[in-house]
């Protein structure tokens, strides 16, 4: 990728940290890259905000009041296996690191950290999200490739440029690949409560399918859709 951090400009991150001065400082940096930054001062508030907003990425401190970061992540992982997570901690003990690894995190960032190490953690997170290969291109199928930086989709050598909403939909499905996503969650992800409904989603899926292999997007009757990648 030429600029992996550019992938965040349409995304939302939830940042949970009880130390206010650090939270404000890190939030200022995050706002340079993300469309929306949601702050939480403790684990309990973070879980409530996660349920409300369904952010694309999580940045969690371990030591927080009411619910620590690892307990919070364990709760989220019970339903959301693919949401990317960066854990921050002042603890270097192997037990914390091991617990975090078992919860499938992108990066374990030790405090205090430099700006460079923080940006490297974000880049690692971007790579984890899309699992791209050579040249920053994601292999979606045997002959189906996607460039998340440009929004170009190449199917059997034929290139397509996705519309804004097609791109939002496809990237959301891609980040949550092989997971059934409800109609309601997809509507919120694409329209954010402004004009979306099941018929509009169905029409958008229909248009996106024309640019993909036929079996890529599976309709799970009465529930939602999932992007199938083997």
C-alpha atoms as a PDB file:
ATOM      1  CA  UNK A   1       0.000   0.000   0.000  1.00  0.00           C
ATOM      2  CA  UNK A   2       1.258   3.489  -0.819  1.00  0.00           C
ATOM      3  CA  UNK A   3      -0.616   4.989   2.121  1.00  0.00           C
ATOM      4  CA  UNK A   4      -2.414   2.426   4.278  1.00  0.00           C
ATOM      5  CA  UNK A   5      -3.593   5.119   6.707  1.00  0.00           C
ATOM      6  CA  UNK A   6      -5.737   6.575   3.916  1.00  0.00           C
ATOM      7  CA  UNK A   7      -8.007   3.539   4.329  1.00  0.00           C
ATOM      8  CA  UNK A   8      -9.322   4.997   7.583  1.00  0.00           C
ATOM      9  CA  UNK A   9     -10.789   8.192   6.140  1.00  0.00           C
ATOM     10  CA  UNK A  10     -14.265   6.647   5.775  1.00  0.00           C
ATOM     11  CA  UNK A  11     -14.146   4.662   9.023  1.00  0.00           C
ATOM     12  CA  UNK A  12     -15.085   5.071  12.685  1.00  0.00           C
ATOM     13  CA  UNK A  13     -12.838   4.158  15.615  1.00  0.00           C
ATOM     14  CA  UNK A  14     -13.879   3.662  19.232  1.00  0.00           C
ATOM     15  CA  UNK A  15     -11.143   4.668  21.676  1.00  0.00           C
ATOM     16  CA  UNK A  16     -11.455   3.647  25.329  1.00  0.00           C
ATOM     17  CA  UNK A  17      -9.034   5.166  27.830  1.00  0.00           C
ATOM     18  CA  UNK A  18      -9.664   6.363  31.394  1.00  0.00           C
ATOM     19  CA  UNK A  19      -6.693   8.773  31.553  1.00  0.00           C
ATOM     20  CA  UNK A  20      -8.266  11.957  30.179  1.00  0.00           C
ATOM     21  CA  UNK A  21      -5.100  13.828  29.146  1.00  0.00           C
ATOM     22  CA  UNK A  22      -3.808  10.849  27.163  1.00  0.00           C
ATOM     23  CA  UNK A  23      -7.249  10.210  25.655  1.00  0.00           C
ATOM     24  CA  UNK A  24      -7.518  13.793  24.403  1.00  0.00           C
ATOM     25  CA  UNK A  25      -3.998  13.740  22.977  1.00  0.00           C
ATOM     26  CA  UNK A  26      -4.451  10.438  21.142  1.00  0.00           C
ATOM     27  CA  UNK A  27      -7.898  11.485  19.930  1.00  0.00           C
ATOM     28  CA  UNK A  28      -6.365  14.524  18.223  1.00  0.00           C
ATOM     29  CA  UNK A  29      -4.054  12.214  16.286  1.00  0.00           C
ATOM     30  CA  UNK A  30      -6.847   9.801  15.418  1.00  0.00           C
ATOM     31  CA  UNK A  31      -8.972  12.652  14.059  1.00  0.00           C
ATOM     32  CA  UNK A  32      -6.306  13.241  11.399  1.00  0.00           C
ATOM     33  CA  UNK A  33      -7.048   9.837   9.880  1.00  0.00           C
ATOM     34  CA  UNK A  34     -10.568   8.727  10.812  1.00  0.00           C
ATOM     35  CA  UNK A  35     -13.933  10.054   9.721  1.00  0.00           C
ATOM     36  CA  UNK A  36     -15.237   9.711  13.279  1.00  0.00           C
ATOM     37  CA  UNK A  37     -13.588   9.136  16.661  1.00  0.00           C
ATOM     38  CA  UNK A  38     -15.771   7.962  19.553  1.00  0.00           C
ATOM     39  CA  UNK A  39     -14.307   8.348  23.049  1.00  0.00           C
ATOM     40  CA  UNK A  40     -15.085   6.220  26.111  1.00  0.00           C
ATOM     41  CA  UNK A  41     -13.745   6.848  29.601  1.00  0.00           C
ATOM     42  CA  UNK A  42     -14.267   3.308  30.919  1.00  0.00           C
ATOM     43  CA  UNK A  43     -15.032  -0.219  29.744  1.00  0.00           C
ATOM     44  CA  UNK A  44     -18.727  -0.096  30.544  1.00  0.00           C
ATOM     45  CA  UNK A  45     -19.250   3.064  28.492  1.00  0.00           C
ATOM     46  CA  UNK A  46     -17.155   1.579  25.680  1.00  0.00           C
ATOM     47  CA  UNK A  47     -19.419  -1.473  25.445  1.00  0.00           C
ATOM     48  CA  UNK A  48     -22.513   0.730  25.320  1.00  0.00           C
ATOM     49  CA  UNK A  49     -20.980   2.894  22.592  1.00  0.00           C
ATOM     50  CA  UNK A  50     -19.873  -0.175  20.645  1.00  0.00           C
ATOM     51  CA  UNK A  51     -23.420  -1.557  20.668  1.00  0.00           C
ATOM     52  CA  UNK A  52     -24.789   1.828  19.603  1.00  0.00           C
ATOM     53  CA  UNK A  53     -22.330   2.756  16.854  1.00  0.00           C
ATOM     54  CA  UNK A  54     -20.752  -0.540  15.672  1.00  0.00           C
ATOM     55  CA  UNK A  55     -17.364   1.114  15.008  1.00  0.00           C
ATOM     56  CA  UNK A  56     -14.997  -0.276  12.405  1.00  0.00           C
ATOM     57  CA  UNK A  57     -11.941  -0.367  14.692  1.00  0.00           C
ATOM     58  CA  UNK A  58     -11.301  -0.526  18.446  1.00  0.00           C
ATOM     59  CA  UNK A  59      -8.445   1.039  20.409  1.00  0.00           C
ATOM     60  CA  UNK A  60      -8.635  -0.195  24.006  1.00  0.00           C
ATOM     61  CA  UNK A  61      -6.652   0.346  27.169  1.00  0.00           C
ATOM     62  CA  UNK A  62      -6.408  -2.697  29.439  1.00  0.00           C
ATOM     63  CA  UNK A  63      -6.620  -1.016  32.837  1.00  0.00           C
ATOM     64  CA  UNK A  64      -9.966   0.826  32.974  1.00  0.00           C
ATOM     65  CA  UNK A  65     -12.685   1.272  35.616  1.00  0.00           C
ATOM     66  CA  UNK A  66     -15.896  -0.796  35.632  1.00  0.00           C
ATOM     67  CA  UNK A  67     -14.721  -3.213  32.910  1.00  0.00           C
ATOM     68  CA  UNK A  68     -11.095  -3.728  31.870  1.00  0.00           C
ATOM     69  CA  UNK A  69     -10.099  -3.785  28.205  1.00  0.00           C
ATOM     70  CA  UNK A  70      -9.579  -7.544  27.955  1.00  0.00           C
ATOM     71  CA  UNK A  71     -12.928  -8.346  29.584  1.00  0.00           C
ATOM     72  CA  UNK A  72     -14.567  -5.815  27.258  1.00  0.00           C
ATOM     73  CA  UNK A  73     -12.932  -7.345  24.207  1.00  0.00           C
ATOM     74  CA  UNK A  74     -13.916 -10.861  25.268  1.00  0.00           C
ATOM     75  CA  UNK A  75     -17.550  -9.705  25.414  1.00  0.00           C
ATOM     76  CA  UNK A  76     -17.307  -8.109  21.953  1.00  0.00           C
ATOM     77  CA  UNK A  77     -15.536 -11.128  20.462  1.00  0.00           C
ATOM     78  CA  UNK A  78     -18.466 -13.355  21.426  1.00  0.00           C
ATOM     79  CA  UNK A  79     -20.370 -11.795  18.526  1.00  0.00           C
ATOM     80  CA  UNK A  80     -17.823  -9.878  16.449  1.00  0.00           C
ATOM     81  CA  UNK A  81     -14.843 -12.000  15.482  1.00  0.00           C
ATOM     82  CA  UNK A  82     -13.426  -9.738  12.793  1.00  0.00           C
ATOM     83  CA  UNK A  83     -13.503  -6.214  14.209  1.00  0.00           C
ATOM     84  CA  UNK A  84      -9.841  -5.106  14.344  1.00  0.00           C
ATOM     85  CA  UNK A  85      -8.451  -4.190  17.766  1.00  0.00           C
ATOM     86  CA  UNK A  86      -5.346  -2.457  19.073  1.00  0.00           C
ATOM     87  CA  UNK A  87      -4.674  -3.012  22.771  1.00  0.00           C
ATOM     88  CA  UNK A  88      -2.711  -0.418  24.751  1.00  0.00           C
ATOM     89  CA  UNK A  89      -1.221  -1.216  28.118  1.00  0.00           C
ATOM     90  CA  UNK A  90       1.448  -0.268  30.632  1.00  0.00           C
ATOM     91  CA  UNK A  91       1.688  -3.984  31.465  1.00  0.00           C
ATOM     92  CA  UNK A  92       4.506  -5.923  29.811  1.00  0.00           C
ATOM     93  CA  UNK A  93       3.735  -9.167  31.677  1.00  0.00           C
ATOM     94  CA  UNK A  94       3.348 -12.193  29.372  1.00  0.00           C
ATOM     95  CA  UNK A  95      -0.038 -13.125  30.881  1.00  0.00           C
ATOM     96  CA  UNK A  96      -1.669  -9.930  29.577  1.00  0.00           C
ATOM     97  CA  UNK A  97      -0.018 -10.273  26.191  1.00  0.00           C
ATOM     98  CA  UNK A  98      -1.114 -13.912  25.903  1.00  0.00           C
ATOM     99  CA  UNK A  99      -4.720 -13.105  26.816  1.00  0.00           C
ATOM    100  CA  UNK A 100      -4.759 -10.326  24.217  1.00  0.00           C
ATOM    101  CA  UNK A 101      -3.323 -12.603  21.510  1.00  0.00           C
ATOM    102  CA  UNK A 102      -5.963 -15.228  22.248  1.00  0.00           C
ATOM    103  CA  UNK A 103      -8.607 -12.557  21.608  1.00  0.00           C
ATOM    104  CA  UNK A 104      -7.225 -12.044  18.092  1.00  0.00           C
ATOM    105  CA  UNK A 105      -5.870  -8.511  18.329  1.00  0.00           C
ATOM    106  CA  UNK A 106      -3.939  -6.650  15.631  1.00  0.00           C
ATOM    107  CA  UNK A 107      -1.333  -5.058  17.878  1.00  0.00           C
ATOM    108  CA  UNK A 108      -0.292  -4.879  21.542  1.00  0.00           C
ATOM    109  CA  UNK A 109       1.079  -1.387  22.158  1.00  0.00           C
ATOM    110  CA  UNK A 110       3.070  -0.751  25.333  1.00  0.00           C
ATOM    111  CA  UNK A 111       2.777   2.595  27.118  1.00  0.00           C
ATOM    112  CA  UNK A 112       4.423   5.015  26.898  1.00  0.00           C
ATOM    113  CA  UNK A 113       4.647   4.862  23.112  1.00  0.00           C
ATOM    114  CA  UNK A 114       6.090   7.156  20.478  1.00  0.00           C
ATOM    115  CA  UNK A 115       4.084   8.692  17.665  1.00  0.00           C
ATOM    116  CA  UNK A 116       5.972   6.472  15.211  1.00  0.00           C
ATOM    117  CA  UNK A 117       5.077   3.256  17.063  1.00  0.00           C
ATOM    118  CA  UNK A 118       1.445   4.392  17.278  1.00  0.00           C
ATOM    119  CA  UNK A 119       1.273   5.036  13.528  1.00  0.00           C
ATOM    120  CA  UNK A 120       2.942   1.666  12.908  1.00  0.00           C
ATOM    121  CA  UNK A 121       0.196   0.047  15.006  1.00  0.00           C
ATOM    122  CA  UNK A 122      -2.452   1.729  12.849  1.00  0.00           C
ATOM    123  CA  UNK A 123      -0.712   0.500   9.690  1.00  0.00           C
ATOM    124  CA  UNK A 124      -0.649  -3.029  11.119  1.00  0.00           C
ATOM    125  CA  UNK A 125      -4.349  -2.686  11.811  1.00  0.00           C
ATOM    126  CA  UNK A 126      -5.011  -1.637   8.199  1.00  0.00           C
ATOM    127  CA  UNK A 127      -3.109  -4.671   6.920  1.00  0.00           C
ATOM    128  CA  UNK A 128      -5.052  -6.978   9.276  1.00  0.00           C
ATOM    129  CA  UNK A 129      -8.368  -5.583   8.084  1.00  0.00           C
ATOM    130  CA  UNK A 130      -7.876  -6.280   4.415  1.00  0.00           C
ATOM    131  CA  UNK A 131      -5.137  -8.950   4.320  1.00  0.00           C
ATOM    132  CA  UNK A 132      -3.754  -7.528   1.099  1.00  0.00           C
ATOM    133  CA  UNK A 133      -1.047  -9.076  -1.002  1.00  0.00           C
ATOM    134  CA  UNK A 134       1.419  -7.651  -3.509  1.00  0.00           C
ATOM    135  CA  UNK A 135       0.849  -4.043  -4.473  1.00  0.00           C
ATOM    136  CA  UNK A 136      -1.795  -3.497  -1.812  1.00  0.00           C
ATOM    137  CA  UNK A 137      -4.403  -5.588  -3.657  1.00  0.00           C
ATOM    138  CA  UNK A 138      -6.793  -7.891  -1.799  1.00  0.00           C
ATOM    139  CA  UNK A 139      -7.493 -11.302  -3.324  1.00  0.00           C
ATOM    140  CA  UNK A 140     -11.233 -11.829  -2.893  1.00  0.00           C
ATOM    141  CA  UNK A 141     -11.620 -14.909  -5.131  1.00  0.00           C
ATOM    142  CA  UNK A 142      -9.651 -17.053  -7.554  1.00  0.00           C
ATOM    143  CA  UNK A 143      -9.751 -14.293 -10.179  1.00  0.00           C
ATOM    144  CA  UNK A 144     -11.281 -11.434  -8.210  1.00  0.00           C
ATOM    145  CA  UNK A 145      -9.144  -8.651  -6.753  1.00  0.00           C
ATOM    146  CA  UNK A 146      -9.835  -5.397  -4.926  1.00  0.00           C
ATOM    147  CA  UNK A 147      -7.696  -2.323  -4.332  1.00  0.00           C
ATOM    148  CA  UNK A 148      -9.026  -0.647  -1.135  1.00  0.00           C
ATOM    149  CA  UNK A 149      -6.982   2.490  -1.781  1.00  0.00           C
ATOM    150  CA  UNK A 150      -8.549   3.273  -5.173  1.00  0.00           C
ATOM    151  CA  UNK A 151     -11.841   1.382  -4.936  1.00  0.00           C
ATOM    152  CA  UNK A 152     -11.069  -0.601  -8.108  1.00  0.00           C
ATOM    153  CA  UNK A 153     -12.457  -4.141  -8.393  1.00  0.00           C
ATOM    154  CA  UNK A 154     -10.978  -6.470 -11.015  1.00  0.00           C
ATOM    155  CA  UNK A 155     -13.035  -9.523 -11.963  1.00  0.00           C
ATOM    156  CA  UNK A 156     -11.459 -11.906 -14.504  1.00  0.00           C
ATOM    157  CA  UNK A 157      -9.345  -9.082 -15.891  1.00  0.00           C
ATOM    158  CA  UNK A 158     -12.242  -6.646 -16.200  1.00  0.00           C
ATOM    159  CA  UNK A 159     -11.879  -3.530 -14.029  1.00  0.00           C
ATOM    160  CA  UNK A 160     -14.799  -1.837 -12.257  1.00  0.00           C
ATOM    161  CA  UNK A 161     -14.845   1.359 -10.225  1.00  0.00           C
ATOM    162  CA  UNK A 162     -17.310   0.990  -7.371  1.00  0.00           C
ATOM    163  CA  UNK A 163     -19.745   3.780  -6.593  1.00  0.00           C
ATOM    164  CA  UNK A 164     -19.488   5.425  -3.157  1.00  0.00           C
ATOM    165  CA  UNK A 165     -22.219   3.264  -1.618  1.00  0.00           C
ATOM    166  CA  UNK A 166     -21.067   0.108  -3.413  1.00  0.00           C
ATOM    167  CA  UNK A 167     -17.634   0.713  -1.946  1.00  0.00           C
ATOM    168  CA  UNK A 168     -18.998   1.262   1.565  1.00  0.00           C
ATOM    169  CA  UNK A 169     -21.014  -1.937   1.296  1.00  0.00           C
ATOM    170  CA  UNK A 170     -18.268  -4.058  -0.213  1.00  0.00           C
ATOM    171  CA  UNK A 171     -15.592  -2.909   2.221  1.00  0.00           C
ATOM    172  CA  UNK A 172     -17.907  -3.514   5.174  1.00  0.00           C
ATOM    173  CA  UNK A 173     -18.615  -7.038   3.928  1.00  0.00           C
ATOM    174  CA  UNK A 174     -14.909  -7.557   3.243  1.00  0.00           C
ATOM    175  CA  UNK A 175     -13.865  -6.526   6.746  1.00  0.00           C
ATOM    176  CA  UNK A 176     -16.517  -8.862   8.158  1.00  0.00           C
ATOM    177  CA  UNK A 177     -15.959 -11.638   5.607  1.00  0.00           C
ATOM    178  CA  UNK A 178     -17.636 -14.999   6.165  1.00  0.00           C
ATOM    179  CA  UNK A 179     -19.859 -13.486   8.881  1.00  0.00           C
ATOM    180  CA  UNK A 180     -23.598 -13.117   8.421  1.00  0.00           C
ATOM    181  CA  UNK A 181     -24.430  -9.424   8.774  1.00  0.00           C
ATOM    182  CA  UNK A 182     -28.004  -8.429   9.450  1.00  0.00           C
ATOM    183  CA  UNK A 183     -29.993  -6.214   7.103  1.00  0.00           C
ATOM    184  CA  UNK A 184     -30.243  -3.617   9.867  1.00  0.00           C
ATOM    185  CA  UNK A 185     -26.503  -3.518  10.537  1.00  0.00           C
ATOM    186  CA  UNK A 186     -25.738  -3.093   6.848  1.00  0.00           C
ATOM    187  CA  UNK A 187     -28.345  -0.362   6.443  1.00  0.00           C
ATOM    188  CA  UNK A 188     -26.794   1.541   9.353  1.00  0.00           C
ATOM    189  CA  UNK A 189     -23.266   1.049   7.985  1.00  0.00           C
ATOM    190  CA  UNK A 190     -24.193   2.391   4.534  1.00  0.00           C
ATOM    191  CA  UNK A 191     -26.808   5.055   5.214  1.00  0.00           C
ATOM    192  CA  UNK A 192     -26.253   5.890   8.913  1.00  0.00           C
ATOM    193  CA  UNK A 193     -29.985   6.316   9.449  1.00  0.00           C
ATOM    194  CA  UNK A 194     -30.467   8.580   6.415  1.00  0.00           C
ATOM    195  CA  UNK A 195     -32.646   7.015   3.726  1.00  0.00           C
ATOM    196  CA  UNK A 196     -31.627   3.390   3.951  1.00  0.00           C
ATOM    197  CA  UNK A 197     -34.118   0.512   3.970  1.00  0.00           C
ATOM    198  CA  UNK A 198     -34.224  -3.138   3.022  1.00  0.00           C
ATOM    199  CA  UNK A 199     -35.312  -2.418  -0.560  1.00  0.00           C
ATOM    200  CA  UNK A 200     -32.480   0.071  -1.059  1.00  0.00           C
ATOM    201  CA  UNK A 201     -30.020  -2.456   0.377  1.00  0.00           C
ATOM    202  CA  UNK A 202     -31.365  -5.202  -1.892  1.00  0.00           C
ATOM    203  CA  UNK A 203     -30.946  -2.945  -4.936  1.00  0.00           C
ATOM    204  CA  UNK A 204     -27.383  -2.054  -3.908  1.00  0.00           C
ATOM    205  CA  UNK A 205     -26.518  -5.739  -3.396  1.00  0.00           C
ATOM    206  CA  UNK A 206     -27.924  -6.486  -6.860  1.00  0.00           C
ATOM    207  CA  UNK A 207     -25.697  -3.851  -8.488  1.00  0.00           C
ATOM    208  CA  UNK A 208     -22.617  -4.990  -6.558  1.00  0.00           C
ATOM    209  CA  UNK A 209     -23.191  -8.619  -7.523  1.00  0.00           C
ATOM    210  CA  UNK A 210     -22.927  -7.647 -11.204  1.00  0.00           C
ATOM    211  CA  UNK A 211     -19.274  -6.790 -10.552  1.00  0.00           C
ATOM    212  CA  UNK A 212     -18.461  -9.866  -8.449  1.00  0.00           C
ATOM    213  CA  UNK A 213     -18.488 -13.599  -8.953  1.00  0.00           C
ATOM    214  CA  UNK A 214     -22.066 -14.834  -8.608  1.00  0.00           C
ATOM    215  CA  UNK A 215     -21.539 -16.765  -5.378  1.00  0.00           C
ATOM    216  CA  UNK A 216     -19.512 -14.104  -3.538  1.00  0.00           C
ATOM    217  CA  UNK A 217     -22.415 -12.515  -1.645  1.00  0.00           C
ATOM    218  CA  UNK A 218     -24.675 -15.054   0.013  1.00  0.00           C
ATOM    219  CA  UNK A 219     -28.240 -14.188   1.021  1.00  0.00           C
ATOM    220  CA  UNK A 220     -29.091 -15.735   4.396  1.00  0.00           C
ATOM    221  CA  UNK A 221     -32.879 -15.883   4.310  1.00  0.00           C
ATOM    222  CA  UNK A 222     -34.598 -13.580   6.761  1.00  0.00           C
ATOM    223  CA  UNK A 223     -31.327 -12.465   8.376  1.00  0.00           C
ATOM    224  CA  UNK A 224     -28.921 -10.690   6.056  1.00  0.00           C
ATOM    225  CA  UNK A 225     -25.907 -11.216   3.809  1.00  0.00           C
ATOM    226  CA  UNK A 226     -22.337 -12.417   4.024  1.00  0.00           C
ATOM    227  CA  UNK A 227     -19.302 -12.186   1.743  1.00  0.00           C
ATOM    228  CA  UNK A 228     -17.986 -15.708   1.216  1.00  0.00           C
ATOM    229  CA  UNK A 229     -14.215 -15.993   0.874  1.00  0.00           C
ATOM    230  CA  UNK A 230     -12.535 -19.388   1.017  1.00  0.00           C
END
